[in-house]
Amino acid sequence: MGSMVTFSQRYRFSDWPNKAIPKVSAGVYAIWNEDGLFYCGMSGRDIEGAIASGKNRYGLITRLHSHASGRLSGRLHVGQQLGNLDGFSC
């Protein structure tokens, strides 16, 4: 039998920035276009190093900000690819 995957509440990029996202965190995220899965990613691989060095913004918050703003770093960023983020959430 297959199992049902449960996701957290969705947050619209059009409402960015979002105070509900922890300032320092590691995790996996999904980006949706309405009800269709658009992209999955992860961030915060070196969370222990970020905490040890005293970073106050690291991981999910910075990655999702990059997607929302369209900043490029050699990877797909939703805002840069699509422009209008009204139907997109993470």
N, C-alpha and C. Protein backbone atom coordinates (compact mmCIF):
# COMPACT_ATOMS: atom_id res chain seq x y z
N MET A 1 0.84 -1.18 0.00
CA MET A 1 0.00 0.00 0.00
C MET A 1 0.88 1.24 0.00
N GLY A 2 0.50 2.25 -0.76
CA GLY A 2 1.19 3.52 -0.77
C GLY A 2 0.80 4.35 0.45
N SER A 3 1.64 5.28 0.78
CA SER A 3 1.33 6.16 1.92
C SER A 3 1.03 7.56 1.41
N MET A 4 0.22 8.26 2.15
CA MET A 4 -0.16 9.62 1.80
C MET A 4 0.88 10.59 2.36
N VAL A 5 1.40 11.47 1.55
CA VAL A 5 2.36 12.47 1.98
C VAL A 5 1.59 13.69 2.46
N THR A 6 1.98 14.20 3.62
CA THR A 6 1.34 15.39 4.16
C THR A 6 2.34 16.54 4.14
N PHE A 7 1.93 17.66 3.60
CA PHE A 7 2.77 18.84 3.54
C PHE A 7 2.29 19.85 4.58
N SER A 8 3.15 20.78 4.92
CA SER A 8 2.76 21.86 5.83
C SER A 8 1.86 22.85 5.11
N GLN A 9 1.41 23.82 5.84
CA GLN A 9 0.62 24.90 5.26
C GLN A 9 1.41 25.57 4.14
N ARG A 10 0.73 26.00 3.11
CA ARG A 10 1.39 26.70 2.00
C ARG A 10 1.41 28.20 2.27
N TYR A 11 2.50 28.82 1.83
CA TYR A 11 2.68 30.26 1.97
C TYR A 11 2.90 30.85 0.59
N ARG A 12 2.15 31.85 0.23
CA ARG A 12 2.25 32.46 -1.10
C ARG A 12 3.49 33.33 -1.22
N PHE A 13 4.20 33.20 -2.34
CA PHE A 13 5.34 34.07 -2.61
C PHE A 13 4.89 35.53 -2.73
N SER A 14 3.68 35.76 -3.15
CA SER A 14 3.19 37.13 -3.28
C SER A 14 3.06 37.80 -1.91
N ASP A 15 3.09 37.02 -0.82
CA ASP A 15 3.04 37.57 0.54
C ASP A 15 4.42 37.62 1.18
N TRP A 16 5.46 37.47 0.39
CA TRP A 16 6.83 37.44 0.90
C TRP A 16 7.23 38.80 1.40
N PRO A 17 8.01 38.91 2.48
CA PRO A 17 8.59 37.85 3.29
C PRO A 17 7.58 37.25 4.26
N ASN A 18 7.89 36.07 4.74
CA ASN A 18 6.98 35.34 5.61
C ASN A 18 7.63 35.11 6.98
N LYS A 19 7.04 35.69 8.01
CA LYS A 19 7.59 35.59 9.37
C LYS A 19 7.44 34.19 9.97
N ALA A 20 6.63 33.32 9.37
CA ALA A 20 6.42 31.97 9.89
C ALA A 20 7.60 31.05 9.60
N ILE A 21 8.46 31.42 8.67
CA ILE A 21 9.61 30.59 8.32
C ILE A 21 10.75 30.91 9.28
N PRO A 22 11.30 29.90 9.95
CA PRO A 22 12.38 30.15 10.91
C PRO A 22 13.58 30.83 10.25
N LYS A 23 14.23 31.71 10.98
CA LYS A 23 15.38 32.46 10.45
C LYS A 23 16.60 31.56 10.19
N VAL A 24 16.76 30.52 10.98
CA VAL A 24 17.84 29.56 10.79
C VAL A 24 17.22 28.17 10.84
N SER A 25 17.23 27.48 9.70
CA SER A 25 16.63 26.15 9.65
C SER A 25 17.12 25.39 8.43
N ALA A 26 17.08 24.08 8.55
CA ALA A 26 17.40 23.20 7.43
C ALA A 26 16.15 22.42 7.10
N GLY A 27 15.94 22.12 5.83
CA GLY A 27 14.77 21.34 5.49
C GLY A 27 14.57 21.18 4.00
N VAL A 28 13.51 20.50 3.69
CA VAL A 28 13.08 20.26 2.32
C VAL A 28 11.83 21.09 2.08
N TYR A 29 11.72 21.66 0.88
CA TYR A 29 10.55 22.48 0.56
C TYR A 29 10.01 22.09 -0.81
N ALA A 30 8.75 22.41 -1.01
CA ALA A 30 8.09 22.18 -2.30
C ALA A 30 7.48 23.49 -2.76
N ILE A 31 7.57 23.75 -4.04
CA ILE A 31 6.95 24.94 -4.63
C ILE A 31 5.82 24.46 -5.53
N TRP A 32 4.68 25.02 -5.32
CA TRP A 32 3.45 24.63 -6.01
C TRP A 32 2.97 25.73 -6.93
N ASN A 33 2.39 25.36 -8.05
CA ASN A 33 1.66 26.28 -8.92
C ASN A 33 0.21 25.83 -8.82
N GLU A 34 -0.55 26.57 -8.03
CA GLU A 34 -1.91 26.17 -7.66
C GLU A 34 -1.82 24.79 -7.01
N ASP A 35 -2.39 23.73 -7.60
CA ASP A 35 -2.35 22.39 -7.00
C ASP A 35 -1.29 21.48 -7.62
N GLY A 36 -0.51 22.00 -8.57
CA GLY A 36 0.50 21.17 -9.22
C GLY A 36 1.88 21.41 -8.64
N LEU A 37 2.59 20.34 -8.33
CA LEU A 37 3.95 20.44 -7.82
C LEU A 37 4.84 20.99 -8.93
N PHE A 38 5.59 22.06 -8.64
CA PHE A 38 6.43 22.72 -9.62
C PHE A 38 7.91 22.39 -9.40
N TYR A 39 8.34 22.37 -8.15
CA TYR A 39 9.77 22.21 -7.85
C TYR A 39 9.94 21.76 -6.40
N CYS A 40 10.92 20.91 -6.15
CA CYS A 40 11.30 20.52 -4.79
C CYS A 40 12.77 20.85 -4.59
N GLY A 41 13.12 21.23 -3.38
CA GLY A 41 14.50 21.55 -3.08
C GLY A 41 14.80 21.35 -1.61
N MET A 42 16.06 21.59 -1.28
CA MET A 42 16.47 21.51 0.12
C MET A 42 17.45 22.64 0.39
N SER A 43 17.57 22.98 1.66
CA SER A 43 18.49 24.03 2.04
C SER A 43 18.92 23.83 3.48
N GLY A 44 20.09 24.34 3.81
CA GLY A 44 20.59 24.27 5.17
C GLY A 44 21.49 23.08 5.44
N ARG A 45 22.17 22.63 4.42
CA ARG A 45 23.00 21.43 4.53
C ARG A 45 24.05 21.55 5.65
N ASP A 46 24.62 22.72 5.85
CA ASP A 46 25.65 22.92 6.88
C ASP A 46 25.08 23.73 8.05
N ILE A 47 23.92 23.30 8.55
CA ILE A 47 23.24 24.04 9.61
C ILE A 47 24.09 24.17 10.86
N GLU A 48 24.83 23.12 11.22
CA GLU A 48 25.67 23.19 12.43
C GLU A 48 26.74 24.26 12.29
N GLY A 49 27.35 24.35 11.13
CA GLY A 49 28.37 25.38 10.89
C GLY A 49 27.78 26.78 10.92
N ALA A 50 26.58 26.93 10.38
CA ALA A 50 25.92 28.24 10.39
C ALA A 50 25.60 28.68 11.81
N ILE A 51 25.14 27.75 12.62
CA ILE A 51 24.82 28.07 14.02
C ILE A 51 26.11 28.39 14.78
N ALA A 52 27.15 27.59 14.58
CA ALA A 52 28.42 27.81 15.27
C ALA A 52 29.04 29.16 14.91
N SER A 53 28.86 29.60 13.66
CA SER A 53 29.44 30.88 13.24
C SER A 53 28.54 32.06 13.57
N GLY A 54 27.39 31.80 14.16
CA GLY A 54 26.51 32.89 14.60
C GLY A 54 25.64 33.50 13.52
N LYS A 55 25.44 32.81 12.41
CA LYS A 55 24.58 33.37 11.35
C LYS A 55 23.16 33.52 11.88
N ASN A 56 22.54 34.65 11.56
CA ASN A 56 21.16 34.87 12.02
C ASN A 56 20.13 34.65 10.93
N ARG A 57 20.56 34.36 9.71
CA ARG A 57 19.66 33.98 8.61
C ARG A 57 20.39 32.94 7.79
N TYR A 58 19.81 31.72 7.73
CA TYR A 58 20.49 30.65 7.01
C TYR A 58 19.48 29.55 6.67
N GLY A 59 19.66 28.92 5.55
CA GLY A 59 18.86 27.75 5.18
C GLY A 59 17.60 28.09 4.42
N LEU A 60 16.48 27.58 4.90
CA LEU A 60 15.21 27.73 4.18
C LEU A 60 14.86 29.19 3.91
N ILE A 61 15.05 30.06 4.89
CA ILE A 61 14.65 31.47 4.71
C ILE A 61 15.43 32.11 3.56
N THR A 62 16.73 31.84 3.48
CA THR A 62 17.53 32.46 2.42
C THR A 62 17.25 31.82 1.06
N ARG A 63 17.04 30.51 1.04
CA ARG A 63 16.74 29.85 -0.24
C ARG A 63 15.40 30.30 -0.80
N LEU A 64 14.37 30.33 0.04
CA LEU A 64 13.05 30.76 -0.43
C LEU A 64 13.07 32.23 -0.82
N HIS A 65 13.87 33.04 -0.12
CA HIS A 65 14.00 34.45 -0.52
C HIS A 65 14.62 34.55 -1.91
N SER A 66 15.62 33.73 -2.19
CA SER A 66 16.23 33.73 -3.52
C SER A 66 15.22 33.35 -4.60
N HIS A 67 14.40 32.34 -4.32
CA HIS A 67 13.37 31.95 -5.29
C HIS A 67 12.37 33.09 -5.48
N ALA A 68 11.94 33.70 -4.40
CA ALA A 68 10.93 34.76 -4.49
C ALA A 68 11.45 35.99 -5.23
N SER A 69 12.73 36.31 -5.06
CA SER A 69 13.28 37.53 -5.67
C SER A 69 13.82 37.30 -7.07
N GLY A 70 14.00 36.04 -7.47
CA GLY A 70 14.51 35.76 -8.81
C GLY A 70 16.02 35.83 -8.91
N ARG A 71 16.71 35.90 -7.79
CA ARG A 71 18.16 35.95 -7.79
C ARG A 71 18.70 34.65 -8.38
N LEU A 72 19.74 34.75 -9.19
CA LEU A 72 20.31 33.57 -9.85
C LEU A 72 21.59 33.12 -9.18
N SER A 73 21.78 31.81 -9.09
CA SER A 73 23.03 31.25 -8.59
C SER A 73 23.34 29.95 -9.32
N GLY A 74 22.95 29.86 -10.56
CA GLY A 74 23.19 28.65 -11.32
C GLY A 74 22.11 27.60 -11.17
N ARG A 75 21.05 27.92 -10.42
CA ARG A 75 19.94 26.99 -10.23
C ARG A 75 18.65 27.69 -10.61
N LEU A 76 17.61 26.91 -10.70
CA LEU A 76 16.29 27.45 -11.02
C LEU A 76 15.78 28.32 -9.89
N HIS A 77 15.31 29.50 -10.20
CA HIS A 77 14.65 30.36 -9.23
C HIS A 77 13.30 30.75 -9.80
N VAL A 78 12.27 30.45 -9.07
CA VAL A 78 10.90 30.57 -9.56
C VAL A 78 10.59 31.98 -10.06
N GLY A 79 10.94 33.00 -9.31
CA GLY A 79 10.63 34.36 -9.70
C GLY A 79 11.28 34.75 -11.01
N GLN A 80 12.49 34.32 -11.25
CA GLN A 80 13.20 34.66 -12.48
C GLN A 80 12.59 33.92 -13.66
N GLN A 81 12.16 32.69 -13.47
CA GLN A 81 11.63 31.90 -14.56
C GLN A 81 10.23 32.31 -14.97
N LEU A 82 9.42 32.74 -14.01
CA LEU A 82 8.01 32.96 -14.29
C LEU A 82 7.53 34.39 -14.14
N GLY A 83 8.26 35.21 -13.42
CA GLY A 83 7.86 36.60 -13.26
C GLY A 83 6.71 36.79 -12.28
N ASN A 84 5.50 36.44 -12.65
CA ASN A 84 4.32 36.65 -11.81
C ASN A 84 4.13 35.46 -10.89
N LEU A 85 4.25 35.71 -9.58
CA LEU A 85 4.18 34.61 -8.60
C LEU A 85 2.84 34.49 -7.93
N ASP A 86 1.80 35.14 -8.45
CA ASP A 86 0.50 35.14 -7.76
C ASP A 86 -0.03 33.76 -7.47
N GLY A 87 0.13 32.80 -8.35
CA GLY A 87 -0.42 31.47 -8.13
C GLY A 87 0.53 30.51 -7.44
N PHE A 88 1.72 30.98 -7.08
CA PHE A 88 2.74 30.09 -6.53
C PHE A 88 2.80 30.19 -5.01
N SER A 89 3.06 29.05 -4.38
CA SER A 89 3.20 29.00 -2.93
C SER A 89 4.28 28.01 -2.58
N CYS A 90 4.76 28.09 -1.36
CA CYS A 90 5.79 27.15 -0.91
C CYS A 90 5.41 26.59 0.44
